[in-house]
Amino acid sequence: MGFTSTPRGARLARRLTALRRDARGIPYDTDDHHEIVLIVAESTADAVVHGHAPGRDFHLRVHAPADGRTVRVEVSDARAERAPRSPAVAPEATGTGRRGGRGLLLVSRLAARWDRHPRPGAPGKTVWAQYTLSDRAAPSGSVPPCVR
């Protein structure tokens, strides 16, 4: 789904993800729910701050692959030249006293994996994170696979 590249758009993306994850079997009051929503919050905030291009939206996709054990968050924006460092070289802490710059550090701590790649079919990049669900939070039965 596309959202305006503004703080309001990032907030709406986070709230929609929270609502949809609850509806799809990952309840509000679980650690898995909170951590997935935090990954979305940090990723969409980065898209607004670092990926904003005038007149361009960012896009969010939250996908639960058929394995039922993971949730993949993908955030695409229009600024390919402002790509984050790859996970292999991401800093452990900024240590600069700045108020920001820790979003991907949080994502790297919560997600099993994350990375970025060029945005397919459009200018920009996609930053993705794969979250592994805990045993007690795995949705049972058939779960619709995607929030778009």
N, C-alpha and C. Protein backbone atom coordinates (compact mmCIF):
# COMPACT_ATOMS: atom_id res chain seq x y z
N MET A 1 0.84 -1.16 0.00
CA MET A 1 0.00 0.00 0.00
C MET A 1 0.90 1.24 0.00
N GLY A 2 0.48 2.26 -0.67
CA GLY A 2 1.23 3.51 -0.72
C GLY A 2 0.77 4.48 0.35
N PHE A 3 1.73 5.22 0.90
CA PHE A 3 1.45 6.23 1.92
C PHE A 3 2.22 7.50 1.57
N THR A 4 1.68 8.64 1.96
CA THR A 4 2.39 9.88 1.73
C THR A 4 3.70 9.86 2.49
N SER A 5 4.71 10.43 1.91
CA SER A 5 6.03 10.44 2.52
C SER A 5 6.12 11.56 3.56
N THR A 6 5.31 11.40 4.61
CA THR A 6 5.21 12.38 5.70
C THR A 6 5.15 11.61 7.02
N PRO A 7 5.37 12.31 8.14
CA PRO A 7 5.20 11.63 9.43
C PRO A 7 3.80 11.03 9.59
N ARG A 8 2.79 11.70 9.06
CA ARG A 8 1.42 11.17 9.13
C ARG A 8 1.31 9.86 8.35
N GLY A 9 1.93 9.80 7.17
CA GLY A 9 1.92 8.56 6.38
C GLY A 9 2.59 7.42 7.12
N ALA A 10 3.72 7.70 7.77
CA ALA A 10 4.41 6.67 8.55
C ALA A 10 3.54 6.19 9.71
N ARG A 11 2.87 7.12 10.36
CA ARG A 11 1.99 6.75 11.49
C ARG A 11 0.82 5.89 11.01
N LEU A 12 0.23 6.25 9.87
CA LEU A 12 -0.87 5.46 9.32
C LEU A 12 -0.41 4.06 8.92
N ALA A 13 0.78 3.95 8.36
CA ALA A 13 1.32 2.64 7.98
C ALA A 13 1.51 1.77 9.22
N ARG A 14 2.02 2.36 10.29
CA ARG A 14 2.21 1.62 11.54
C ARG A 14 0.88 1.16 12.11
N ARG A 15 -0.09 2.04 12.11
CA ARG A 15 -1.40 1.69 12.68
C ARG A 15 -2.12 0.63 11.85
N LEU A 16 -2.03 0.73 10.53
CA LEU A 16 -2.64 -0.29 9.67
C LEU A 16 -1.98 -1.65 9.89
N THR A 17 -0.66 -1.65 10.01
CA THR A 17 0.04 -2.91 10.27
C THR A 17 -0.41 -3.52 11.59
N ALA A 18 -0.53 -2.71 12.62
CA ALA A 18 -0.98 -3.21 13.93
C ALA A 18 -2.37 -3.83 13.82
N LEU A 19 -3.26 -3.15 13.14
CA LEU A 19 -4.62 -3.64 12.98
C LEU A 19 -4.65 -4.95 12.19
N ARG A 20 -3.92 -5.00 11.09
CA ARG A 20 -3.92 -6.19 10.24
C ARG A 20 -3.22 -7.37 10.88
N ARG A 21 -2.15 -7.14 11.61
CA ARG A 21 -1.47 -8.26 12.28
C ARG A 21 -2.37 -8.86 13.34
N ASP A 22 -3.10 -8.03 14.07
CA ASP A 22 -4.04 -8.54 15.07
C ASP A 22 -5.13 -9.36 14.39
N ALA A 23 -5.66 -8.86 13.29
CA ALA A 23 -6.72 -9.56 12.57
C ALA A 23 -6.24 -10.88 11.97
N ARG A 24 -4.95 -10.99 11.74
CA ARG A 24 -4.40 -12.19 11.10
C ARG A 24 -3.72 -13.13 12.09
N GLY A 25 -4.02 -12.98 13.38
CA GLY A 25 -3.58 -13.97 14.35
C GLY A 25 -2.37 -13.64 15.19
N ILE A 26 -1.88 -12.40 15.11
CA ILE A 26 -0.78 -11.98 15.98
C ILE A 26 -1.35 -10.87 16.87
N PRO A 27 -1.89 -11.24 18.04
CA PRO A 27 -2.64 -10.30 18.88
C PRO A 27 -1.82 -9.11 19.37
N TYR A 28 -2.54 -8.03 19.63
CA TYR A 28 -1.95 -6.77 20.10
C TYR A 28 -1.02 -6.95 21.30
N ASP A 29 -1.37 -7.78 22.24
CA ASP A 29 -0.64 -7.83 23.50
C ASP A 29 0.52 -8.84 23.50
N THR A 30 1.06 -9.16 22.33
CA THR A 30 2.17 -10.10 22.27
C THR A 30 3.46 -9.38 21.88
N ASP A 31 4.58 -9.96 22.29
CA ASP A 31 5.88 -9.40 21.92
C ASP A 31 6.06 -9.38 20.41
N ASP A 32 5.62 -10.46 19.75
CA ASP A 32 5.75 -10.51 18.29
C ASP A 32 5.03 -9.34 17.64
N HIS A 33 3.84 -9.05 18.09
CA HIS A 33 3.07 -7.94 17.53
C HIS A 33 3.82 -6.62 17.73
N HIS A 34 4.27 -6.38 18.94
CA HIS A 34 4.97 -5.12 19.24
C HIS A 34 6.25 -4.99 18.41
N GLU A 35 6.98 -6.09 18.26
CA GLU A 35 8.24 -6.02 17.54
C GLU A 35 8.04 -5.84 16.04
N ILE A 36 7.05 -6.48 15.46
CA ILE A 36 6.75 -6.27 14.04
C ILE A 36 6.33 -4.82 13.80
N VAL A 37 5.48 -4.30 14.65
CA VAL A 37 5.03 -2.92 14.50
C VAL A 37 6.20 -1.95 14.68
N LEU A 38 7.13 -2.25 15.58
CA LEU A 38 8.31 -1.40 15.75
C LEU A 38 9.20 -1.43 14.51
N ILE A 39 9.35 -2.59 13.90
CA ILE A 39 10.11 -2.68 12.65
C ILE A 39 9.45 -1.81 11.58
N VAL A 40 8.13 -1.88 11.47
CA VAL A 40 7.41 -1.04 10.50
C VAL A 40 7.59 0.44 10.83
N ALA A 41 7.46 0.79 12.11
CA ALA A 41 7.59 2.19 12.52
C ALA A 41 8.97 2.75 12.16
N GLU A 42 10.02 2.02 12.47
CA GLU A 42 11.37 2.49 12.18
C GLU A 42 11.64 2.54 10.68
N SER A 43 11.19 1.53 9.96
CA SER A 43 11.42 1.48 8.52
C SER A 43 10.68 2.58 7.78
N THR A 44 9.43 2.83 8.16
CA THR A 44 8.67 3.88 7.49
C THR A 44 9.17 5.27 7.88
N ALA A 45 9.60 5.44 9.12
CA ALA A 45 10.18 6.73 9.53
C ALA A 45 11.45 7.00 8.73
N ASP A 46 12.29 5.98 8.52
CA ASP A 46 13.48 6.15 7.70
C ASP A 46 13.11 6.52 6.26
N ALA A 47 12.06 5.91 5.73
CA ALA A 47 11.63 6.24 4.36
C ALA A 47 11.20 7.70 4.27
N VAL A 48 10.55 8.21 5.30
CA VAL A 48 10.10 9.60 5.31
C VAL A 48 11.30 10.54 5.45
N VAL A 49 12.20 10.24 6.37
CA VAL A 49 13.33 11.14 6.64
C VAL A 49 14.40 11.04 5.56
N HIS A 50 14.78 9.84 5.18
CA HIS A 50 15.92 9.66 4.27
C HIS A 50 15.53 9.33 2.84
N GLY A 51 14.30 8.90 2.61
CA GLY A 51 13.90 8.48 1.27
C GLY A 51 12.89 9.39 0.61
N HIS A 52 12.60 10.51 1.24
CA HIS A 52 11.57 11.42 0.71
C HIS A 52 12.04 12.09 -0.58
N ALA A 53 11.20 12.04 -1.58
CA ALA A 53 11.38 12.79 -2.82
C ALA A 53 10.06 13.53 -3.05
N PRO A 54 10.12 14.82 -3.33
CA PRO A 54 8.88 15.59 -3.49
C PRO A 54 7.92 14.94 -4.48
N GLY A 55 6.69 14.82 -4.05
CA GLY A 55 5.64 14.25 -4.90
C GLY A 55 5.64 12.74 -4.97
N ARG A 56 6.50 12.07 -4.23
CA ARG A 56 6.57 10.60 -4.27
C ARG A 56 6.18 10.02 -2.93
N ASP A 57 5.42 8.93 -2.98
CA ASP A 57 5.01 8.23 -1.77
C ASP A 57 6.02 7.13 -1.44
N PHE A 58 5.88 6.57 -0.25
CA PHE A 58 6.60 5.33 0.05
C PHE A 58 5.58 4.20 0.04
N HIS A 59 6.05 3.00 -0.15
CA HIS A 59 5.17 1.84 -0.23
C HIS A 59 5.56 0.82 0.84
N LEU A 60 4.54 0.26 1.47
CA LEU A 60 4.72 -0.74 2.52
C LEU A 60 4.08 -2.04 2.08
N ARG A 61 4.81 -3.11 2.31
CA ARG A 61 4.26 -4.45 2.09
C ARG A 61 4.65 -5.28 3.31
N VAL A 62 3.66 -5.87 3.96
CA VAL A 62 3.90 -6.79 5.07
C VAL A 62 3.36 -8.14 4.61
N HIS A 63 4.25 -9.10 4.56
CA HIS A 63 3.93 -10.38 3.94
C HIS A 63 4.27 -11.51 4.91
N ALA A 64 3.35 -12.45 5.06
CA ALA A 64 3.59 -13.66 5.84
C ALA A 64 3.73 -14.82 4.87
N PRO A 65 4.96 -15.26 4.58
CA PRO A 65 5.15 -16.37 3.65
C PRO A 65 4.44 -17.63 4.14
N ALA A 66 4.28 -18.56 3.24
CA ALA A 66 3.53 -19.78 3.52
C ALA A 66 4.11 -20.61 4.66
N ASP A 67 5.37 -20.36 5.03
CA ASP A 67 5.98 -21.16 6.10
C ASP A 67 5.30 -20.92 7.46
N GLY A 68 4.59 -19.81 7.61
CA GLY A 68 3.88 -19.52 8.85
C GLY A 68 4.77 -19.17 10.01
N ARG A 69 6.07 -19.05 9.79
CA ARG A 69 7.02 -18.79 10.87
C ARG A 69 7.64 -17.41 10.79
N THR A 70 7.45 -16.72 9.68
CA THR A 70 8.09 -15.43 9.50
C THR A 70 7.09 -14.38 9.01
N VAL A 71 7.47 -13.14 9.19
CA VAL A 71 6.76 -12.00 8.63
C VAL A 71 7.83 -11.13 7.98
N ARG A 72 7.59 -10.75 6.74
CA ARG A 72 8.55 -9.92 6.00
C ARG A 72 7.95 -8.53 5.81
N VAL A 73 8.72 -7.53 6.19
CA VAL A 73 8.32 -6.13 6.05
C VAL A 73 9.18 -5.52 4.95
N GLU A 74 8.55 -4.89 3.96
CA GLU A 74 9.27 -4.23 2.87
C GLU A 74 8.78 -2.79 2.77
N VAL A 75 9.72 -1.85 2.78
CA VAL A 75 9.38 -0.44 2.63
C VAL A 75 10.19 0.10 1.45
N SER A 76 9.49 0.61 0.45
CA SER A 76 10.13 1.14 -0.76
C SER A 76 9.95 2.65 -0.80
N ASP A 77 11.01 3.35 -1.18
CA ASP A 77 10.92 4.80 -1.37
C ASP A 77 11.61 5.18 -2.66
N ALA A 78 11.64 6.46 -2.98
CA ALA A 78 12.10 6.93 -4.28
C ALA A 78 13.54 7.40 -4.32
N ARG A 79 14.31 7.23 -3.25
CA ARG A 79 15.67 7.76 -3.20
C ARG A 79 16.70 6.64 -3.14
N ALA A 80 17.16 6.19 -4.30
CA ALA A 80 18.16 5.12 -4.35
C ALA A 80 19.52 5.59 -3.85
N GLU A 81 19.82 6.88 -4.03
CA GLU A 81 21.15 7.37 -3.66
C GLU A 81 21.33 7.50 -2.15
N ARG A 82 20.26 7.35 -1.39
CA ARG A 82 20.36 7.45 0.07
C ARG A 82 20.07 6.09 0.70
N ALA A 83 20.77 5.09 0.23
CA ALA A 83 20.57 3.72 0.73
C ALA A 83 21.29 3.54 2.06
N PRO A 84 20.71 2.77 2.96
CA PRO A 84 21.40 2.47 4.22
C PRO A 84 22.59 1.56 3.97
N ARG A 85 23.50 1.56 4.92
CA ARG A 85 24.63 0.62 4.83
C ARG A 85 24.09 -0.79 4.88
N SER A 86 24.78 -1.69 4.23
CA SER A 86 24.35 -3.08 4.27
C SER A 86 24.50 -3.61 5.69
N PRO A 87 23.77 -4.66 6.04
CA PRO A 87 23.84 -5.18 7.41
C PRO A 87 25.25 -5.56 7.84
N ALA A 88 26.08 -5.96 6.91
CA ALA A 88 27.44 -6.38 7.26
C ALA A 88 28.28 -5.23 7.79
N VAL A 89 27.96 -3.98 7.40
CA VAL A 89 28.77 -2.85 7.84
C VAL A 89 27.98 -1.85 8.66
N ALA A 90 26.76 -2.18 9.04
CA ALA A 90 25.95 -1.25 9.83
C ALA A 90 26.60 -1.04 11.19
N PRO A 91 26.65 0.21 11.67
CA PRO A 91 27.30 0.48 12.95
C PRO A 91 26.49 -0.09 14.10
N GLU A 92 27.19 -0.50 15.14
CA GLU A 92 26.53 -1.03 16.33
C GLU A 92 25.87 0.09 17.14
N ALA A 93 26.44 1.25 17.15
CA ALA A 93 25.87 2.40 17.85
C ALA A 93 26.47 3.64 17.23
N THR A 94 25.71 4.70 17.21
CA THR A 94 26.20 5.91 16.58
C THR A 94 27.24 6.59 17.45
N GLY A 95 27.05 6.64 18.76
CA GLY A 95 28.03 7.22 19.67
C GLY A 95 28.27 8.70 19.44
N THR A 96 27.42 9.36 18.68
CA THR A 96 27.65 10.75 18.34
C THR A 96 26.83 11.71 19.18
N GLY A 97 25.95 11.19 20.01
CA GLY A 97 25.09 12.06 20.81
C GLY A 97 23.91 12.61 20.03
N ARG A 98 23.78 12.20 18.77
CA ARG A 98 22.65 12.65 17.98
C ARG A 98 21.37 12.03 18.50
N ARG A 99 20.26 12.70 18.21
CA ARG A 99 18.97 12.18 18.66
C ARG A 99 18.44 11.08 17.76
N GLY A 100 18.93 10.98 16.55
CA GLY A 100 18.43 9.97 15.61
C GLY A 100 19.52 9.01 15.21
N GLY A 101 19.23 8.23 14.15
CA GLY A 101 20.23 7.36 13.60
C GLY A 101 20.26 5.95 14.17
N ARG A 102 19.28 5.58 14.94
CA ARG A 102 19.29 4.26 15.54
C ARG A 102 18.18 3.36 15.02
N GLY A 103 17.44 3.81 14.03
CA GLY A 103 16.32 3.03 13.52
C GLY A 103 16.72 1.67 13.00
N LEU A 104 17.75 1.63 12.14
CA LEU A 104 18.17 0.34 11.60
C LEU A 104 18.90 -0.50 12.64
N LEU A 105 19.46 0.13 13.65
CA LEU A 105 20.04 -0.64 14.75
C LEU A 105 18.94 -1.42 15.46
N LEU A 106 17.81 -0.76 15.71
CA LEU A 106 16.67 -1.47 16.31
C LEU A 106 16.16 -2.58 15.40
N VAL A 107 16.02 -2.27 14.12
CA VAL A 107 15.54 -3.27 13.16
C VAL A 107 16.49 -4.47 13.15
N SER A 108 17.80 -4.21 13.16
CA SER A 108 18.76 -5.32 13.11
C SER A 108 18.70 -6.18 14.37
N ARG A 109 18.32 -5.59 15.49
CA ARG A 109 18.21 -6.36 16.74
C ARG A 109 16.92 -7.19 16.78
N LEU A 110 15.87 -6.71 16.15
CA LEU A 110 14.57 -7.40 16.19
C LEU A 110 14.40 -8.41 15.07
N ALA A 111 14.90 -8.09 13.91
CA ALA A 111 14.69 -8.94 12.73
C ALA A 111 15.74 -10.04 12.66
N ALA A 112 15.36 -11.17 12.10
CA ALA A 112 16.31 -12.25 11.86
C ALA A 112 17.31 -11.84 10.78
N ARG A 113 16.83 -11.09 9.78
CA ARG A 113 17.66 -10.59 8.68
C ARG A 113 17.07 -9.30 8.17
N TRP A 114 17.90 -8.47 7.58
CA TRP A 114 17.42 -7.30 6.85
C TRP A 114 18.44 -6.96 5.79
N ASP A 115 17.98 -6.25 4.77
CA ASP A 115 18.88 -5.80 3.72
C ASP A 115 18.14 -4.79 2.86
N ARG A 116 18.75 -4.40 1.77
CA ARG A 116 18.12 -3.48 0.83
C ARG A 116 18.48 -3.90 -0.57
N HIS A 117 17.65 -3.47 -1.53
CA HIS A 117 17.92 -3.75 -2.94
C HIS A 117 17.25 -2.66 -3.75
N PRO A 118 17.65 -2.49 -5.02
CA PRO A 118 16.99 -1.50 -5.86
C PRO A 118 15.51 -1.82 -5.98
N ARG A 119 14.72 -0.79 -6.05
CA ARG A 119 13.26 -0.95 -6.15
C ARG A 119 12.92 -1.47 -7.54
N PRO A 120 12.23 -2.61 -7.61
CA PRO A 120 11.90 -3.17 -8.93
C PRO A 120 10.84 -2.33 -9.64
N GLY A 121 11.10 -2.00 -10.89
CA GLY A 121 10.11 -1.32 -11.72
C GLY A 121 9.89 0.15 -11.43
N ALA A 122 10.71 0.75 -10.58
CA ALA A 122 10.56 2.17 -10.24
C ALA A 122 11.88 2.68 -9.69
N PRO A 123 12.07 4.00 -9.70
CA PRO A 123 13.30 4.52 -9.10
C PRO A 123 13.25 4.36 -7.58
N GLY A 124 14.40 4.17 -6.98
CA GLY A 124 14.46 4.10 -5.52
C GLY A 124 15.01 2.78 -5.02
N LYS A 125 14.66 2.49 -3.77
CA LYS A 125 15.17 1.29 -3.11
C LYS A 125 14.08 0.68 -2.25
N THR A 126 14.28 -0.57 -1.90
CA THR A 126 13.42 -1.27 -0.96
C THR A 126 14.30 -1.77 0.18
N VAL A 127 13.91 -1.44 1.40
CA VAL A 127 14.57 -1.97 2.59
C VAL A 127 13.62 -2.99 3.18
N TRP A 128 14.13 -4.19 3.46
CA TRP A 128 13.27 -5.25 3.96
C TRP A 128 13.85 -5.84 5.24
N ALA A 129 12.96 -6.38 6.05
CA ALA A 129 13.35 -7.07 7.28
C ALA A 129 12.49 -8.31 7.42
N GLN A 130 13.11 -9.40 7.83
CA GLN A 130 12.38 -10.64 8.04
C GLN A 130 12.37 -10.95 9.52
N TYR A 131 11.18 -11.05 10.07
CA TYR A 131 10.98 -11.31 11.50
C TYR A 131 10.55 -12.76 11.69
N THR A 132 11.16 -13.45 12.64
CA THR A 132 10.79 -14.83 12.95
C THR A 132 9.86 -14.84 14.15
N LEU A 133 8.69 -15.42 13.97
CA LEU A 133 7.70 -15.49 15.05
C LEU A 133 8.12 -16.47 16.13
N SER A 134 7.76 -16.16 17.37
CA SER A 134 8.02 -17.10 18.45
C SER A 134 7.05 -18.27 18.34
N ASP A 135 7.34 -19.35 19.03
CA ASP A 135 6.49 -20.55 18.95
C ASP A 135 5.06 -20.27 19.40
N ARG A 136 4.90 -19.49 20.43
CA ARG A 136 3.55 -19.26 20.97
C ARG A 136 2.74 -18.27 20.13
N ALA A 137 3.38 -17.56 19.23
CA ALA A 137 2.66 -16.56 18.45
C ALA A 137 2.37 -17.01 17.03
N ALA A 138 2.81 -18.19 16.66
CA ALA A 138 2.59 -18.63 15.29
C ALA A 138 1.10 -18.75 15.03
N PRO A 139 0.59 -18.06 14.01
CA PRO A 139 -0.83 -18.14 13.70
C PRO A 139 -1.22 -19.57 13.36
N SER A 140 -2.38 -19.97 13.79
CA SER A 140 -2.86 -21.30 13.46
C SER A 140 -3.79 -21.24 12.26
N GLY A 141 -3.84 -22.33 11.54
CA GLY A 141 -4.74 -22.39 10.39
C GLY A 141 -4.23 -21.57 9.23
N SER A 142 -5.15 -21.26 8.35
CA SER A 142 -4.81 -20.50 7.16
C SER A 142 -4.81 -19.01 7.46
N VAL A 143 -3.71 -18.37 7.18
CA VAL A 143 -3.57 -16.94 7.40
C VAL A 143 -3.42 -16.26 6.05
N PRO A 144 -4.27 -15.28 5.74
CA PRO A 144 -4.07 -14.55 4.49
C PRO A 144 -2.65 -13.98 4.46
N PRO A 145 -1.92 -14.12 3.35
CA PRO A 145 -0.50 -13.89 3.35
C PRO A 145 -0.03 -12.45 3.31
N CYS A 146 -0.85 -11.48 2.97
CA CYS A 146 -0.27 -10.19 2.66
C CYS A 146 -1.14 -9.02 3.08
N VAL A 147 -0.49 -7.96 3.49
CA VAL A 147 -1.14 -6.66 3.70
C VAL A 147 -0.61 -5.77 2.61
N ARG A 148 -1.46 -5.26 1.79
CA ARG A 148 -1.01 -4.36 0.72
C ARG A 148 -1.78 -3.09 0.78
